[in-house]
Amino acid sequence: MEYVQFKGEKYISRNGSLDLSNLGIQNIRNIKHLDRLKDIKELDLSNNEITKIKDLEPLSQLTTLNLSFNRIEEIKDFHSLTNLTYLFLYNNKITKISGVDSLVNLVELNLFDNQITKIENISHFINLNRLYLGSNRIKVIEGLDYLENLKFLNIEKNFIT
């Protein structure tokens, strides 16, 4: 049985999925034994107090990662997560789309309700079909030309003129 520990409590991985939401986690490094879950496919770290995305390198088989409702300001350290197809980062404090060059398999990227001012660094998302950029600070719609498989785009509640 694969499990991790946080503040003395055990959290068991079930069917390749681990839910660590709503635990008050501030630093991913404080989750003991996370590096042992090399075959995990889905990880939910939403509704915590995480400020930096790091220490996820061993989880190279992840296909779904939820880091929504945290305090993340910068997207980075995703280079080993090349199998990600769903990435949820809504309701954080992200100001710029960057650090996601290796995520070429993304099908859905949710950056709703952040502080992003410009649509950039997404041209390599050739498989992306759902993009959520609503409730940000975007002023101009640009950078979407190469997203040939995009079927859904949410850019509501921005500063587009």
C-alpha atoms as a PDB file:
ATOM      1  CA  MET A   1       0.000   0.000   0.000  1.00  0.00           C
ATOM      2  CA  GLU A   2       1.474   3.314  -1.065  1.00  0.00           C
ATOM      3  CA  TYR A   3       1.015   6.266   1.229  1.00  0.00           C
ATOM      4  CA  VAL A   4       2.471   9.613   2.231  1.00  0.00           C
ATOM      5  CA  GLN A   5       2.546  11.332   5.588  1.00  0.00           C
ATOM      6  CA  PHE A   6       1.787  14.904   6.509  1.00  0.00           C
ATOM      7  CA  LYS A   7       1.768  16.116  10.123  1.00  0.00           C
ATOM      8  CA  GLY A   8       1.811  12.526  11.356  1.00  0.00           C
ATOM      9  CA  GLU A   9      -1.250  11.442   9.364  1.00  0.00           C
ATOM     10  CA  LYS A  10      -1.128   8.814   6.605  1.00  0.00           C
ATOM     11  CA  TYR A  11      -2.747   9.496   3.232  1.00  0.00           C
ATOM     12  CA  ILE A  12      -3.161   6.480   0.989  1.00  0.00           C
ATOM     13  CA  SER A  13      -2.856   6.482  -2.784  1.00  0.00           C
ATOM     14  CA  ARG A  14      -5.898   4.768  -4.307  1.00  0.00           C
ATOM     15  CA  ASN A  15      -6.027   3.620  -7.926  1.00  0.00           C
ATOM     16  CA  GLY A  16      -3.130   5.902  -8.853  1.00  0.00           C
ATOM     17  CA  SER A  17      -4.731   8.939  -7.248  1.00  0.00           C
ATOM     18  CA  LEU A  18      -3.788  10.886  -4.120  1.00  0.00           C
ATOM     19  CA  ASP A  19      -5.917  13.606  -2.513  1.00  0.00           C
ATOM     20  CA  LEU A  20      -3.987  16.015  -0.292  1.00  0.00           C
ATOM     21  CA  SER A  21      -6.417  18.921  -0.582  1.00  0.00           C
ATOM     22  CA  ASN A  22      -7.472  21.134   2.337  1.00  0.00           C
ATOM     23  CA  LEU A  23      -4.607  20.155   4.650  1.00  0.00           C
ATOM     24  CA  GLY A  24      -2.876  23.501   5.149  1.00  0.00           C
ATOM     25  CA  ILE A  25       0.244  22.356   3.290  1.00  0.00           C
ATOM     26  CA  GLN A  26       2.680  25.249   2.823  1.00  0.00           C
ATOM     27  CA  ASN A  27       5.641  23.372   1.380  1.00  0.00           C
ATOM     28  CA  ILE A  28       5.452  20.232  -0.765  1.00  0.00           C
ATOM     29  CA  ARG A  29       8.752  19.107   0.796  1.00  0.00           C
ATOM     30  CA  ASN A  30       6.881  18.584   4.094  1.00  0.00           C
ATOM     31  CA  ILE A  31       4.918  15.685   2.567  1.00  0.00           C
ATOM     32  CA  LYS A  32       6.905  12.623   3.638  1.00  0.00           C
ATOM     33  CA  HIS A  33       7.378   9.733   1.193  1.00  0.00           C
ATOM     34  CA  LEU A  34       5.905  11.599  -1.787  1.00  0.00           C
ATOM     35  CA  ASP A  35       8.998  10.620  -3.767  1.00  0.00           C
ATOM     36  CA  ARG A  36       8.049   6.933  -3.335  1.00  0.00           C
ATOM     37  CA  LEU A  37       4.860   7.328  -5.381  1.00  0.00           C
ATOM     38  CA  LYS A  38       6.588   7.087  -8.738  1.00  0.00           C
ATOM     39  CA  ASP A  39       3.555   5.509 -10.476  1.00  0.00           C
ATOM     40  CA  ILE A  40       0.940   7.985  -9.251  1.00  0.00           C
ATOM     41  CA  LYS A  41      -1.202   9.478 -12.054  1.00  0.00           C
ATOM     42  CA  GLU A  42      -3.357  12.063 -10.254  1.00  0.00           C
ATOM     43  CA  LEU A  43      -2.377  14.400  -7.424  1.00  0.00           C
ATOM     44  CA  ASP A  44      -4.697  16.915  -5.778  1.00  0.00           C
ATOM     45  CA  LEU A  45      -2.930  19.597  -3.738  1.00  0.00           C
ATOM     46  CA  SER A  46      -5.715  22.164  -4.027  1.00  0.00           C
ATOM     47  CA  ASN A  47      -6.944  24.416  -1.231  1.00  0.00           C
ATOM     48  CA  ASN A  48      -3.655  24.557   0.637  1.00  0.00           C
ATOM     49  CA  GLU A  49      -1.136  27.329   1.301  1.00  0.00           C
ATOM     50  CA  ILE A  50       1.556  26.296  -1.191  1.00  0.00           C
ATOM     51  CA  THR A  51       3.654  29.203  -2.489  1.00  0.00           C
ATOM     52  CA  LYS A  52       6.192  27.382  -4.688  1.00  0.00           C
ATOM     53  CA  ILE A  53       5.912  24.462  -7.076  1.00  0.00           C
ATOM     54  CA  LYS A  54       8.858  22.198  -6.306  1.00  0.00           C
ATOM     55  CA  ASP A  55       9.789  18.717  -5.157  1.00  0.00           C
ATOM     56  CA  LEU A  56       7.502  17.050  -7.720  1.00  0.00           C
ATOM     57  CA  GLU A  57      10.352  15.741  -9.906  1.00  0.00           C
ATOM     58  CA  PRO A  58       9.986  12.047  -8.876  1.00  0.00           C
ATOM     59  CA  LEU A  59       6.331  12.055  -9.997  1.00  0.00           C
ATOM     60  CA  SER A  60       7.116  11.826 -13.694  1.00  0.00           C
ATOM     61  CA  GLN A  61       4.066   9.640 -14.409  1.00  0.00           C
ATOM     62  CA  LEU A  62       1.567  12.294 -13.280  1.00  0.00           C
ATOM     63  CA  THR A  63      -1.150  13.017 -15.824  1.00  0.00           C
ATOM     64  CA  THR A  64      -3.335  15.267 -13.639  1.00  0.00           C
ATOM     65  CA  LEU A  65      -2.106  17.860 -11.158  1.00  0.00           C
ATOM     66  CA  ASN A  66      -4.369  20.185  -9.213  1.00  0.00           C
ATOM     67  CA  LEU A  67      -2.669  23.089  -7.440  1.00  0.00           C
ATOM     68  CA  SER A  68      -5.683  25.395  -7.435  1.00  0.00           C
ATOM     69  CA  PHE A  69      -6.582  27.662  -4.525  1.00  0.00           C
ATOM     70  CA  ASN A  70      -3.042  28.074  -3.229  1.00  0.00           C
ATOM     71  CA  ARG A  71      -0.644  31.043  -3.085  1.00  0.00           C
ATOM     72  CA  ILE A  72       1.566  30.214  -6.056  1.00  0.00           C
ATOM     73  CA  GLU A  73       3.124  33.240  -7.757  1.00  0.00           C
ATOM     74  CA  GLU A  74       5.340  31.574 -10.359  1.00  0.00           C
ATOM     75  CA  ILE A  75       5.015  28.537 -12.607  1.00  0.00           C
ATOM     76  CA  LYS A  76       8.262  26.541 -12.647  1.00  0.00           C
ATOM     77  CA  ASP A  77       9.907  23.176 -12.020  1.00  0.00           C
ATOM     78  CA  PHE A  78       7.652  21.198 -14.345  1.00  0.00           C
ATOM     79  CA  HIS A  79      10.509  19.848 -16.510  1.00  0.00           C
ATOM     80  CA  SER A  80      10.109  16.234 -15.293  1.00  0.00           C
ATOM     81  CA  LEU A  81       6.298  16.193 -15.569  1.00  0.00           C
ATOM     82  CA  THR A  82       6.143  15.660 -19.316  1.00  0.00           C
ATOM     83  CA  ASN A  83       3.171  13.267 -19.049  1.00  0.00           C
ATOM     84  CA  LEU A  84       0.845  15.917 -17.607  1.00  0.00           C
ATOM     85  CA  THR A  85      -2.346  16.250 -19.613  1.00  0.00           C
ATOM     86  CA  TYR A  86      -4.412  18.236 -17.095  1.00  0.00           C
ATOM     87  CA  LEU A  87      -2.952  21.101 -15.073  1.00  0.00           C
ATOM     88  CA  PHE A  88      -5.157  23.131 -12.743  1.00  0.00           C
ATOM     89  CA  LEU A  89      -3.637  26.306 -11.307  1.00  0.00           C
ATOM     90  CA  TYR A  90      -6.737  28.448 -10.946  1.00  0.00           C
ATOM     91  CA  ASN A  91      -7.134  30.903  -8.086  1.00  0.00           C
ATOM     92  CA  ASN A  92      -3.473  31.551  -7.309  1.00  0.00           C
ATOM     93  CA  LYS A  93      -1.270  34.636  -7.654  1.00  0.00           C
ATOM     94  CA  ILE A  94       0.466  33.758 -10.926  1.00  0.00           C
ATOM     95  CA  THR A  95       1.514  36.809 -12.967  1.00  0.00           C
ATOM     96  CA  LYS A  96       3.155  35.195 -16.005  1.00  0.00           C
ATOM     97  CA  ILE A  97       2.802  32.043 -18.100  1.00  0.00           C
ATOM     98  CA  SER A  98       6.302  30.559 -18.106  1.00  0.00           C
ATOM     99  CA  GLY A  99       8.196  27.444 -17.095  1.00  0.00           C
ATOM    100  CA  VAL A 100       5.839  25.119 -18.937  1.00  0.00           C
ATOM    101  CA  ASP A 101       7.860  24.393 -22.092  1.00  0.00           C
ATOM    102  CA  SER A 102       8.146  20.672 -21.312  1.00  0.00           C
ATOM    103  CA  LEU A 103       4.375  20.182 -20.951  1.00  0.00           C
ATOM    104  CA  VAL A 104       3.718  19.368 -24.605  1.00  0.00           C
ATOM    105  CA  ASN A 105       1.067  16.760 -23.753  1.00  0.00           C
ATOM    106  CA  LEU A 106      -1.280  19.169 -21.989  1.00  0.00           C
ATOM    107  CA  VAL A 107      -4.892  18.862 -23.087  1.00  0.00           C
ATOM    108  CA  GLU A 108      -6.297  21.250 -20.491  1.00  0.00           C
ATOM    109  CA  LEU A 109      -4.644  24.201 -18.759  1.00  0.00           C
ATOM    110  CA  ASN A 110      -6.629  26.144 -16.201  1.00  0.00           C
ATOM    111  CA  LEU A 111      -5.144  29.469 -15.086  1.00  0.00           C
ATOM    112  CA  PHE A 112      -8.483  31.095 -14.255  1.00  0.00           C
ATOM    113  CA  ASP A 113      -8.451  33.803 -11.550  1.00  0.00           C
ATOM    114  CA  ASN A 114      -4.772  34.707 -11.358  1.00  0.00           C
ATOM    115  CA  GLN A 115      -2.905  37.936 -12.129  1.00  0.00           C
ATOM    116  CA  ILE A 116      -1.682  37.145 -15.652  1.00  0.00           C
ATOM    117  CA  THR A 117      -1.292  40.210 -17.877  1.00  0.00           C
ATOM    118  CA  LYS A 118      -0.243  38.637 -21.184  1.00  0.00           C
ATOM    119  CA  ILE A 119      -0.941  35.448 -23.148  1.00  0.00           C
ATOM    120  CA  GLU A 120       2.553  34.103 -23.856  1.00  0.00           C
ATOM    121  CA  ASN A 121       4.749  30.989 -23.921  1.00  0.00           C
ATOM    122  CA  ILE A 122       1.947  28.645 -24.978  1.00  0.00           C
ATOM    123  CA  SER A 123       2.704  28.042 -28.674  1.00  0.00           C
ATOM    124  CA  HIS A 124       4.207  24.592 -27.934  1.00  0.00           C
ATOM    125  CA  PHE A 125       0.898  23.291 -26.514  1.00  0.00           C
ATOM    126  CA  ILE A 126      -0.005  21.505 -29.745  1.00  0.00           C
ATOM    127  CA  ASN A 127      -2.413  19.115 -27.962  1.00  0.00           C
ATOM    128  CA  LEU A 128      -4.181  21.744 -25.873  1.00  0.00           C
ATOM    129  CA  ASN A 129      -7.927  21.820 -26.427  1.00  0.00           C
ATOM    130  CA  ARG A 130      -9.161  23.657 -23.303  1.00  0.00           C
ATOM    131  CA  LEU A 131      -7.595  26.879 -22.013  1.00  0.00           C
ATOM    132  CA  TYR A 132      -8.982  28.880 -19.115  1.00  0.00           C
ATOM    133  CA  LEU A 133      -7.582  32.403 -18.744  1.00  0.00           C
ATOM    134  CA  GLY A 134     -10.658  34.174 -17.386  1.00  0.00           C
ATOM    135  CA  SER A 135     -10.502  36.565 -14.423  1.00  0.00           C
ATOM    136  CA  ASN A 136      -6.933  37.688 -15.029  1.00  0.00           C
ATOM    137  CA  ARG A 137      -5.487  41.041 -16.132  1.00  0.00           C
ATOM    138  CA  ILE A 138      -5.065  40.317 -19.841  1.00  0.00           C
ATOM    139  CA  LYS A 139      -5.474  43.337 -22.136  1.00  0.00           C
ATOM    140  CA  VAL A 140      -4.851  41.860 -25.597  1.00  0.00           C
ATOM    141  CA  ILE A 141      -5.840  38.527 -27.140  1.00  0.00           C
ATOM    142  CA  GLU A 142      -2.648  37.183 -28.716  1.00  0.00           C
ATOM    143  CA  GLY A 143      -0.407  34.123 -28.835  1.00  0.00           C
ATOM    144  CA  LEU A 144      -3.148  31.669 -29.766  1.00  0.00           C
ATOM    145  CA  ASP A 145      -2.205  31.143 -33.435  1.00  0.00           C
ATOM    146  CA  TYR A 146      -0.381  27.835 -32.949  1.00  0.00           C
ATOM    147  CA  LEU A 147      -3.031  26.189 -30.791  1.00  0.00           C
ATOM    148  CA  GLU A 148      -4.579  24.247 -33.658  1.00  0.00           C
ATOM    149  CA  ASN A 149      -6.443  21.799 -31.405  1.00  0.00           C
ATOM    150  CA  LEU A 150      -7.960  24.448 -29.139  1.00  0.00           C
ATOM    151  CA  LYS A 151     -11.702  23.859 -28.860  1.00  0.00           C
ATOM    152  CA  PHE A 152     -12.539  25.931 -25.785  1.00  0.00           C
ATOM    153  CA  LEU A 153     -11.111  29.258 -24.637  1.00  0.00           C
ATOM    154  CA  ASN A 154     -12.291  31.153 -21.584  1.00  0.00           C
ATOM    155  CA  ILE A 155     -11.037  34.753 -21.396  1.00  0.00           C
ATOM    156  CA  GLU A 156     -13.990  36.350 -19.616  1.00  0.00           C
ATOM    157  CA  LYS A 157     -13.488  39.038 -16.981  1.00  0.00           C
ATOM    158  CA  ASN A 158     -10.185  40.452 -18.259  1.00  0.00           C
ATOM    159  CA  PHE A 159      -9.199  43.973 -19.357  1.00  0.00           C
ATOM    160  CA  ILE A 160      -9.574  43.329 -23.081  1.00  0.00           C
ATOM    161  CA  THR A 161     -10.512  46.429 -25.061  1.00  0.00           C
END
